[in-house]
Amino acid sequence: MKKITILSIVVMSLSLMACKKDWTCTCTDATGGEVKKISKITKKQALSNCQSKTVTEDGDTESETCTLSK
């Protein structure tokens, strides 16, 4: 009985772990779009690598909007 309980706990734990997948980050700015492929990472890591940003250089402001998809 203990073996069944331990085995079921292990299986449940493995099913709840974050799966690493391939993600696509599409960033668009004023000049067009850029696609970055992000491989074998969790969704949380992919979101941190694919963020929209605004940069100001020499008085010019450039915005880049990024979206994440599978």
N, C-alpha and C. Protein backbone atom coordinates (compact mmCIF):
# COMPACT_ATOMS: atom_id res chain seq x y z
N MET A 1 0.82 -1.20 0.00
CA MET A 1 0.00 0.00 0.00
C MET A 1 0.86 1.27 0.00
N LYS A 2 1.97 1.22 0.74
CA LYS A 2 2.86 2.38 0.80
C LYS A 2 3.47 2.66 -0.56
N LYS A 3 3.79 1.60 -1.31
CA LYS A 3 4.40 1.78 -2.63
C LYS A 3 3.43 2.48 -3.58
N ILE A 4 2.17 2.14 -3.51
CA ILE A 4 1.17 2.77 -4.37
C ILE A 4 1.02 4.24 -4.01
N THR A 5 1.01 4.55 -2.73
CA THR A 5 0.88 5.94 -2.29
C THR A 5 2.09 6.76 -2.73
N ILE A 6 3.28 6.22 -2.53
CA ILE A 6 4.50 6.94 -2.93
C ILE A 6 4.54 7.12 -4.44
N LEU A 7 4.20 6.07 -5.18
CA LEU A 7 4.20 6.15 -6.64
C LEU A 7 3.20 7.19 -7.14
N SER A 8 2.02 7.25 -6.55
CA SER A 8 1.02 8.24 -6.98
C SER A 8 1.48 9.66 -6.66
N ILE A 9 2.16 9.85 -5.53
CA ILE A 9 2.68 11.18 -5.18
C ILE A 9 3.75 11.60 -6.18
N VAL A 10 4.63 10.68 -6.56
CA VAL A 10 5.68 10.99 -7.53
C VAL A 10 5.07 11.34 -8.88
N VAL A 11 4.09 10.58 -9.33
CA VAL A 11 3.44 10.85 -10.62
C VAL A 11 2.74 12.20 -10.60
N MET A 12 2.05 12.53 -9.52
CA MET A 12 1.37 13.82 -9.41
C MET A 12 2.39 14.96 -9.41
N SER A 13 3.50 14.79 -8.73
CA SER A 13 4.53 15.83 -8.69
C SER A 13 5.12 16.08 -10.07
N LEU A 14 5.39 15.02 -10.80
CA LEU A 14 5.94 15.17 -12.14
C LEU A 14 4.96 15.85 -13.09
N SER A 15 3.68 15.58 -12.93
CA SER A 15 2.69 16.18 -13.82
C SER A 15 2.50 17.67 -13.54
N LEU A 16 2.81 18.11 -12.34
CA LEU A 16 2.64 19.52 -11.98
C LEU A 16 3.88 20.37 -12.27
N MET A 17 4.99 19.74 -12.60
CA MET A 17 6.22 20.49 -12.89
C MET A 17 6.05 21.27 -14.18
N ALA A 18 6.74 22.39 -14.27
CA ALA A 18 6.67 23.23 -15.47
C ALA A 18 7.34 22.51 -16.64
N CYS A 19 6.66 22.47 -17.75
CA CYS A 19 7.21 21.83 -18.95
C CYS A 19 7.99 22.87 -19.75
N LYS A 20 9.11 22.45 -20.28
CA LYS A 20 9.90 23.33 -21.13
C LYS A 20 9.44 23.13 -22.56
N LYS A 21 9.15 24.23 -23.24
CA LYS A 21 8.62 24.19 -24.59
C LYS A 21 9.36 25.18 -25.48
N ASP A 22 9.06 25.13 -26.76
CA ASP A 22 9.58 26.12 -27.70
C ASP A 22 8.57 27.25 -27.80
N TRP A 23 9.03 28.48 -27.72
CA TRP A 23 8.18 29.66 -27.78
C TRP A 23 8.63 30.56 -28.92
N THR A 24 7.71 31.39 -29.43
CA THR A 24 8.04 32.36 -30.46
C THR A 24 7.71 33.75 -29.93
N CYS A 25 8.70 34.63 -29.98
CA CYS A 25 8.53 36.01 -29.54
C CYS A 25 8.50 36.89 -30.80
N THR A 26 7.39 37.57 -31.03
CA THR A 26 7.25 38.46 -32.18
C THR A 26 7.25 39.90 -31.69
N CYS A 27 8.27 40.65 -32.11
CA CYS A 27 8.40 42.05 -31.71
C CYS A 27 8.21 42.94 -32.92
N THR A 28 7.40 43.98 -32.76
CA THR A 28 7.11 44.90 -33.85
C THR A 28 7.48 46.31 -33.43
N ASP A 29 8.20 47.02 -34.32
CA ASP A 29 8.51 48.42 -34.07
C ASP A 29 8.07 49.23 -35.30
N ALA A 30 8.52 50.45 -35.41
CA ALA A 30 8.09 51.32 -36.51
C ALA A 30 8.56 50.82 -37.87
N THR A 31 9.66 50.08 -37.91
CA THR A 31 10.22 49.63 -39.19
C THR A 31 9.71 48.26 -39.62
N GLY A 32 9.04 47.54 -38.76
CA GLY A 32 8.54 46.21 -39.13
C GLY A 32 8.63 45.25 -37.97
N GLY A 33 8.59 43.96 -38.27
CA GLY A 33 8.59 42.97 -37.22
C GLY A 33 9.85 42.13 -37.19
N GLU A 34 10.11 41.57 -36.05
CA GLU A 34 11.24 40.68 -35.86
C GLU A 34 10.74 39.49 -35.07
N VAL A 35 11.10 38.29 -35.49
CA VAL A 35 10.66 37.08 -34.82
C VAL A 35 11.87 36.42 -34.18
N LYS A 36 11.74 36.11 -32.89
CA LYS A 36 12.80 35.41 -32.17
C LYS A 36 12.23 34.07 -31.71
N LYS A 37 12.92 32.98 -31.98
CA LYS A 37 12.52 31.67 -31.48
C LYS A 37 13.26 31.41 -30.18
N ILE A 38 12.51 31.05 -29.16
CA ILE A 38 13.07 30.75 -27.84
C ILE A 38 12.80 29.27 -27.59
N SER A 39 13.83 28.49 -27.40
CA SER A 39 13.69 27.03 -27.32
C SER A 39 13.91 26.47 -25.93
N LYS A 40 13.11 25.48 -25.60
CA LYS A 40 13.29 24.65 -24.40
C LYS A 40 13.40 25.43 -23.10
N ILE A 41 12.46 26.34 -22.86
CA ILE A 41 12.41 27.05 -21.60
C ILE A 41 10.96 27.09 -21.12
N THR A 42 10.76 27.42 -19.86
CA THR A 42 9.43 27.50 -19.30
C THR A 42 8.74 28.80 -19.76
N LYS A 43 7.44 28.86 -19.56
CA LYS A 43 6.69 30.04 -19.97
C LYS A 43 7.15 31.28 -19.19
N LYS A 44 7.43 31.11 -17.92
CA LYS A 44 7.88 32.24 -17.10
C LYS A 44 9.19 32.81 -17.63
N GLN A 45 10.13 31.93 -17.99
CA GLN A 45 11.39 32.39 -18.55
C GLN A 45 11.19 33.05 -19.91
N ALA A 46 10.30 32.50 -20.72
CA ALA A 46 10.03 33.07 -22.04
C ALA A 46 9.42 34.46 -21.91
N LEU A 47 8.52 34.65 -20.96
CA LEU A 47 7.91 35.97 -20.76
C LEU A 47 8.95 37.01 -20.35
N SER A 48 9.92 36.60 -19.54
CA SER A 48 10.95 37.57 -19.13
C SER A 48 11.89 37.90 -20.29
N ASN A 49 12.06 36.99 -21.24
CA ASN A 49 12.93 37.23 -22.40
C ASN A 49 12.22 37.98 -23.52
N CYS A 50 10.91 38.04 -23.48
CA CYS A 50 10.12 38.65 -24.56
C CYS A 50 9.28 39.78 -23.97
N GLN A 51 9.87 40.93 -23.78
CA GLN A 51 9.17 42.06 -23.17
C GLN A 51 9.15 43.26 -24.10
N SER A 52 8.03 43.99 -24.09
CA SER A 52 7.93 45.23 -24.85
C SER A 52 8.79 46.29 -24.17
N LYS A 53 9.33 47.21 -24.96
CA LYS A 53 10.19 48.24 -24.37
C LYS A 53 10.12 49.53 -25.17
N THR A 54 10.49 50.62 -24.51
CA THR A 54 10.58 51.93 -25.13
C THR A 54 11.97 52.47 -24.86
N VAL A 55 12.65 52.89 -25.93
CA VAL A 55 14.02 53.38 -25.82
C VAL A 55 14.07 54.80 -26.35
N THR A 56 14.74 55.69 -25.61
CA THR A 56 14.93 57.07 -26.05
C THR A 56 16.41 57.32 -26.28
N GLU A 57 16.76 57.68 -27.52
CA GLU A 57 18.15 58.00 -27.86
C GLU A 57 18.18 59.30 -28.65
N ASP A 58 19.01 60.22 -28.23
CA ASP A 58 19.18 61.50 -28.92
C ASP A 58 17.85 62.21 -29.18
N GLY A 59 16.94 62.13 -28.24
CA GLY A 59 15.65 62.80 -28.37
C GLY A 59 14.61 62.01 -29.15
N ASP A 60 15.01 60.89 -29.79
CA ASP A 60 14.07 60.04 -30.53
C ASP A 60 13.60 58.91 -29.62
N THR A 61 12.29 58.69 -29.63
CA THR A 61 11.72 57.61 -28.84
C THR A 61 11.26 56.49 -29.76
N GLU A 62 11.73 55.28 -29.48
CA GLU A 62 11.34 54.13 -30.28
C GLU A 62 10.66 53.12 -29.36
N SER A 63 9.50 52.63 -29.80
CA SER A 63 8.76 51.63 -29.02
C SER A 63 8.79 50.30 -29.76
N GLU A 64 8.87 49.24 -28.99
CA GLU A 64 8.85 47.90 -29.53
C GLU A 64 7.82 47.09 -28.74
N THR A 65 6.83 46.53 -29.44
CA THR A 65 5.80 45.75 -28.79
C THR A 65 6.04 44.28 -29.09
N CYS A 66 6.10 43.47 -28.05
CA CYS A 66 6.39 42.04 -28.22
C CYS A 66 5.24 41.19 -27.69
N THR A 67 4.98 40.10 -28.42
CA THR A 67 3.98 39.12 -27.99
C THR A 67 4.59 37.73 -28.02
N LEU A 68 4.15 36.88 -27.12
CA LEU A 68 4.69 35.54 -27.00
C LEU A 68 3.64 34.52 -27.42
N SER A 69 4.04 33.53 -28.20
CA SER A 69 3.13 32.47 -28.62
C SER A 69 3.88 31.16 -28.71
N LYS A 70 3.15 30.06 -28.76
CA LYS A 70 3.78 28.73 -28.87
C LYS A 70 4.17 28.44 -30.28
